[in-house]
Amino acid sequence: MMPDRTNCELAHLYFNPKTHKDGIPVRPIESTIHASTTKISKFLDKILRPIFDDKCKDTTIIDGASLITELSKYNKKGLLKPTTLFCT
């Protein structure tokens, strides 16, 4: 799990402009593909991902197909109303 010193790089920070907003604010992006924390990050993801997926499966939308399935379930239960608000 030790970082490979021959392939290790500092993270790269860059900014994407939010052109749809006034004043063009920016969104910071940090590229850590060869950073020293990559291996520990992957290790922790293997441990935590199954727990997260299990605990959040009822409230997580993975893709468009699962969104349509969930909306259909809500509609059949009568939970979708003309006043229903959606947010992301």
N, C-alpha and C. Protein backbone atom coordinates (compact mmCIF):
# COMPACT_ATOMS: atom_id res chain seq x y z
N MET A 1 0.81 -1.19 0.00
CA MET A 1 0.00 0.00 0.00
C MET A 1 0.86 1.26 0.00
N MET A 2 2.13 1.10 -0.01
CA MET A 2 3.04 2.25 -0.07
C MET A 2 2.97 2.89 -1.46
N PRO A 3 3.04 4.21 -1.53
CA PRO A 3 3.04 4.88 -2.83
C PRO A 3 4.28 4.50 -3.64
N ASP A 4 4.10 4.40 -4.94
CA ASP A 4 5.21 4.14 -5.85
C ASP A 4 5.92 5.47 -6.12
N ARG A 5 7.11 5.63 -5.60
CA ARG A 5 7.81 6.92 -5.71
C ARG A 5 8.19 7.26 -7.15
N THR A 6 8.30 6.26 -8.02
CA THR A 6 8.67 6.55 -9.41
C THR A 6 7.48 7.05 -10.22
N ASN A 7 6.27 6.78 -9.74
CA ASN A 7 5.08 7.14 -10.50
C ASN A 7 4.19 8.13 -9.74
N CYS A 8 4.61 8.58 -8.58
CA CYS A 8 3.81 9.45 -7.73
C CYS A 8 3.93 10.91 -8.20
N GLU A 9 2.79 11.59 -8.24
CA GLU A 9 2.76 13.01 -8.65
C GLU A 9 1.93 13.79 -7.64
N LEU A 10 2.18 15.07 -7.57
CA LEU A 10 1.30 15.94 -6.81
C LEU A 10 -0.03 16.06 -7.54
N ALA A 11 -1.08 16.26 -6.78
CA ALA A 11 -2.39 16.44 -7.40
C ALA A 11 -2.40 17.71 -8.24
N HIS A 12 -3.14 17.68 -9.34
CA HIS A 12 -3.26 18.84 -10.22
C HIS A 12 -4.59 19.53 -9.92
N LEU A 13 -4.55 20.80 -9.66
CA LEU A 13 -5.76 21.57 -9.39
C LEU A 13 -6.03 22.46 -10.59
N TYR A 14 -7.26 22.37 -11.10
CA TYR A 14 -7.67 23.27 -12.17
C TYR A 14 -9.12 23.66 -11.94
N PHE A 15 -9.61 24.59 -12.72
CA PHE A 15 -10.94 25.14 -12.48
C PHE A 15 -11.76 25.12 -13.76
N ASN A 16 -13.01 24.68 -13.66
CA ASN A 16 -13.94 24.74 -14.78
C ASN A 16 -14.89 25.90 -14.54
N PRO A 17 -15.06 26.76 -15.53
CA PRO A 17 -15.99 27.89 -15.35
C PRO A 17 -17.44 27.42 -15.39
N LYS A 18 -18.26 28.06 -14.57
CA LYS A 18 -19.71 27.81 -14.59
C LYS A 18 -20.31 28.89 -15.48
N THR A 19 -20.29 28.65 -16.77
CA THR A 19 -20.68 29.68 -17.74
C THR A 19 -22.17 30.02 -17.69
N HIS A 20 -22.98 29.17 -17.07
CA HIS A 20 -24.41 29.42 -16.97
C HIS A 20 -24.76 30.37 -15.82
N LYS A 21 -23.77 30.78 -15.04
CA LYS A 21 -24.02 31.67 -13.91
C LYS A 21 -23.40 33.04 -14.16
N ASP A 22 -24.00 34.05 -13.55
CA ASP A 22 -23.49 35.41 -13.69
C ASP A 22 -22.12 35.54 -13.03
N GLY A 23 -21.25 36.30 -13.65
CA GLY A 23 -19.92 36.53 -13.11
C GLY A 23 -18.95 35.40 -13.37
N ILE A 24 -19.43 34.34 -13.98
CA ILE A 24 -18.65 33.14 -14.32
C ILE A 24 -17.80 32.67 -13.13
N PRO A 25 -18.45 32.17 -12.08
CA PRO A 25 -17.68 31.54 -11.00
C PRO A 25 -17.05 30.25 -11.50
N VAL A 26 -16.15 29.69 -10.75
CA VAL A 26 -15.46 28.48 -11.18
C VAL A 26 -15.70 27.33 -10.20
N ARG A 27 -15.58 26.12 -10.72
CA ARG A 27 -15.68 24.90 -9.91
C ARG A 27 -14.29 24.29 -9.83
N PRO A 28 -13.73 24.14 -8.63
CA PRO A 28 -12.39 23.55 -8.52
C PRO A 28 -12.43 22.04 -8.77
N ILE A 29 -11.48 21.55 -9.54
CA ILE A 29 -11.33 20.12 -9.85
C ILE A 29 -9.91 19.73 -9.46
N GLU A 30 -9.80 18.64 -8.72
CA GLU A 30 -8.48 18.16 -8.33
C GLU A 30 -8.26 16.78 -8.92
N SER A 31 -7.28 16.67 -9.79
CA SER A 31 -6.94 15.40 -10.41
C SER A 31 -5.89 14.71 -9.55
N THR A 32 -6.25 13.54 -9.03
CA THR A 32 -5.35 12.82 -8.12
C THR A 32 -5.01 11.43 -8.64
N ILE A 33 -4.99 11.26 -9.95
CA ILE A 33 -4.82 9.93 -10.55
C ILE A 33 -3.52 9.25 -10.13
N HIS A 34 -2.44 9.97 -10.00
CA HIS A 34 -1.16 9.38 -9.58
C HIS A 34 -0.70 9.93 -8.23
N ALA A 35 -1.65 10.43 -7.43
CA ALA A 35 -1.29 11.01 -6.14
C ALA A 35 -0.89 9.91 -5.15
N SER A 36 -0.21 10.30 -4.10
CA SER A 36 0.28 9.34 -3.11
C SER A 36 -0.85 8.66 -2.34
N THR A 37 -2.05 9.23 -2.36
CA THR A 37 -3.17 8.66 -1.61
C THR A 37 -4.06 7.74 -2.45
N THR A 38 -3.70 7.50 -3.72
CA THR A 38 -4.54 6.70 -4.60
C THR A 38 -4.76 5.28 -4.08
N LYS A 39 -3.72 4.62 -3.64
CA LYS A 39 -3.85 3.23 -3.20
C LYS A 39 -4.70 3.10 -1.93
N ILE A 40 -4.49 3.99 -0.98
CA ILE A 40 -5.29 3.92 0.25
C ILE A 40 -6.74 4.26 -0.06
N SER A 41 -6.95 5.17 -1.01
CA SER A 41 -8.31 5.52 -1.41
C SER A 41 -9.03 4.32 -2.01
N LYS A 42 -8.36 3.60 -2.90
CA LYS A 42 -8.96 2.40 -3.51
C LYS A 42 -9.22 1.33 -2.46
N PHE A 43 -8.30 1.16 -1.52
CA PHE A 43 -8.46 0.19 -0.45
C PHE A 43 -9.69 0.50 0.40
N LEU A 44 -9.82 1.77 0.81
CA LEU A 44 -10.96 2.17 1.62
C LEU A 44 -12.27 2.05 0.85
N ASP A 45 -12.22 2.34 -0.44
CA ASP A 45 -13.42 2.22 -1.26
C ASP A 45 -13.90 0.77 -1.30
N LYS A 46 -12.97 -0.18 -1.42
CA LYS A 46 -13.36 -1.60 -1.42
C LYS A 46 -14.05 -1.99 -0.12
N ILE A 47 -13.59 -1.43 0.98
CA ILE A 47 -14.18 -1.75 2.29
C ILE A 47 -15.53 -1.04 2.49
N LEU A 48 -15.56 0.24 2.16
CA LEU A 48 -16.74 1.05 2.47
C LEU A 48 -17.85 0.98 1.43
N ARG A 49 -17.51 0.72 0.16
CA ARG A 49 -18.52 0.72 -0.91
C ARG A 49 -19.67 -0.25 -0.64
N PRO A 50 -19.42 -1.51 -0.26
CA PRO A 50 -20.55 -2.41 0.00
C PRO A 50 -21.45 -1.93 1.14
N ILE A 51 -20.86 -1.36 2.17
CA ILE A 51 -21.64 -0.85 3.30
C ILE A 51 -22.50 0.33 2.84
N PHE A 52 -21.87 1.26 2.13
CA PHE A 52 -22.60 2.43 1.62
C PHE A 52 -23.74 2.00 0.70
N ASP A 53 -23.43 1.12 -0.26
CA ASP A 53 -24.45 0.68 -1.21
C ASP A 53 -25.62 0.01 -0.50
N ASP A 54 -25.34 -0.80 0.51
CA ASP A 54 -26.40 -1.49 1.25
C ASP A 54 -27.27 -0.49 2.02
N LYS A 55 -26.65 0.45 2.70
CA LYS A 55 -27.40 1.40 3.53
C LYS A 55 -28.15 2.45 2.71
N CYS A 56 -27.66 2.75 1.52
CA CYS A 56 -28.24 3.84 0.72
C CYS A 56 -29.04 3.35 -0.48
N LYS A 57 -29.21 2.03 -0.63
CA LYS A 57 -29.84 1.52 -1.84
C LYS A 57 -31.28 2.00 -2.02
N ASP A 58 -31.98 2.29 -0.93
CA ASP A 58 -33.36 2.74 -1.03
C ASP A 58 -33.49 4.21 -1.40
N THR A 59 -32.41 4.97 -1.28
CA THR A 59 -32.49 6.41 -1.55
C THR A 59 -31.51 6.86 -2.63
N THR A 60 -30.87 5.92 -3.31
CA THR A 60 -29.87 6.27 -4.32
C THR A 60 -30.39 5.94 -5.71
N ILE A 61 -30.30 6.89 -6.62
CA ILE A 61 -30.65 6.69 -8.03
C ILE A 61 -29.33 6.53 -8.78
N ILE A 62 -29.15 5.39 -9.43
CA ILE A 62 -27.88 5.08 -10.07
C ILE A 62 -27.81 5.58 -11.51
N ASP A 63 -28.91 5.43 -12.23
CA ASP A 63 -28.91 5.82 -13.64
C ASP A 63 -30.34 6.18 -14.06
N GLY A 64 -30.49 6.52 -15.33
CA GLY A 64 -31.79 6.92 -15.83
C GLY A 64 -32.84 5.83 -15.72
N ALA A 65 -32.43 4.58 -15.95
CA ALA A 65 -33.38 3.47 -15.87
C ALA A 65 -33.90 3.30 -14.45
N SER A 66 -33.02 3.41 -13.45
CA SER A 66 -33.48 3.27 -12.06
C SER A 66 -34.35 4.46 -11.66
N LEU A 67 -34.08 5.63 -12.22
CA LEU A 67 -34.93 6.80 -11.96
C LEU A 67 -36.35 6.55 -12.46
N ILE A 68 -36.46 6.04 -13.68
CA ILE A 68 -37.79 5.77 -14.25
C ILE A 68 -38.51 4.71 -13.43
N THR A 69 -37.79 3.67 -13.03
CA THR A 69 -38.39 2.61 -12.20
C THR A 69 -38.91 3.17 -10.89
N GLU A 70 -38.11 3.99 -10.22
CA GLU A 70 -38.52 4.57 -8.94
C GLU A 70 -39.70 5.53 -9.10
N LEU A 71 -39.67 6.35 -10.15
CA LEU A 71 -40.79 7.27 -10.38
C LEU A 71 -42.07 6.49 -10.65
N SER A 72 -41.96 5.39 -11.37
CA SER A 72 -43.12 4.55 -11.64
C SER A 72 -43.69 3.97 -10.34
N LYS A 73 -42.80 3.52 -9.44
CA LYS A 73 -43.25 2.99 -8.14
C LYS A 73 -43.96 4.08 -7.33
N TYR A 74 -43.38 5.28 -7.31
CA TYR A 74 -43.99 6.38 -6.57
C TYR A 74 -45.36 6.72 -7.15
N ASN A 75 -45.46 6.70 -8.47
CA ASN A 75 -46.71 7.02 -9.13
C ASN A 75 -47.78 5.98 -8.78
N LYS A 76 -47.43 4.71 -8.78
CA LYS A 76 -48.39 3.64 -8.45
C LYS A 76 -48.87 3.76 -7.00
N LYS A 77 -48.01 4.26 -6.12
CA LYS A 77 -48.39 4.45 -4.71
C LYS A 77 -49.18 5.74 -4.51
N GLY A 78 -49.33 6.53 -5.56
CA GLY A 78 -50.05 7.79 -5.45
C GLY A 78 -49.25 8.90 -4.81
N LEU A 79 -47.93 8.77 -4.81
CA LEU A 79 -47.08 9.77 -4.15
C LEU A 79 -46.74 10.96 -5.05
N LEU A 80 -46.90 10.81 -6.36
CA LEU A 80 -46.60 11.92 -7.27
C LEU A 80 -47.86 12.76 -7.44
N LYS A 81 -47.77 14.01 -7.10
CA LYS A 81 -48.89 14.95 -7.18
C LYS A 81 -48.52 16.08 -8.14
N PRO A 82 -49.49 16.83 -8.62
CA PRO A 82 -49.17 17.98 -9.46
C PRO A 82 -48.28 19.01 -8.75
N THR A 83 -48.27 18.97 -7.44
CA THR A 83 -47.45 19.93 -6.68
C THR A 83 -46.09 19.35 -6.28
N THR A 84 -45.79 18.12 -6.72
CA THR A 84 -44.51 17.50 -6.38
C THR A 84 -43.37 18.31 -6.97
N LEU A 85 -42.38 18.61 -6.15
CA LEU A 85 -41.19 19.34 -6.60
C LEU A 85 -40.01 18.38 -6.67
N PHE A 86 -39.22 18.52 -7.72
CA PHE A 86 -38.02 17.70 -7.89
C PHE A 86 -36.79 18.59 -7.72
N CYS A 87 -35.78 18.09 -7.07
CA CYS A 87 -34.54 18.84 -6.94
C CYS A 87 -33.37 17.88 -7.02
N THR A 88 -32.22 18.41 -7.39
CA THR A 88 -31.00 17.60 -7.47
C THR A 88 -29.93 18.24 -6.63
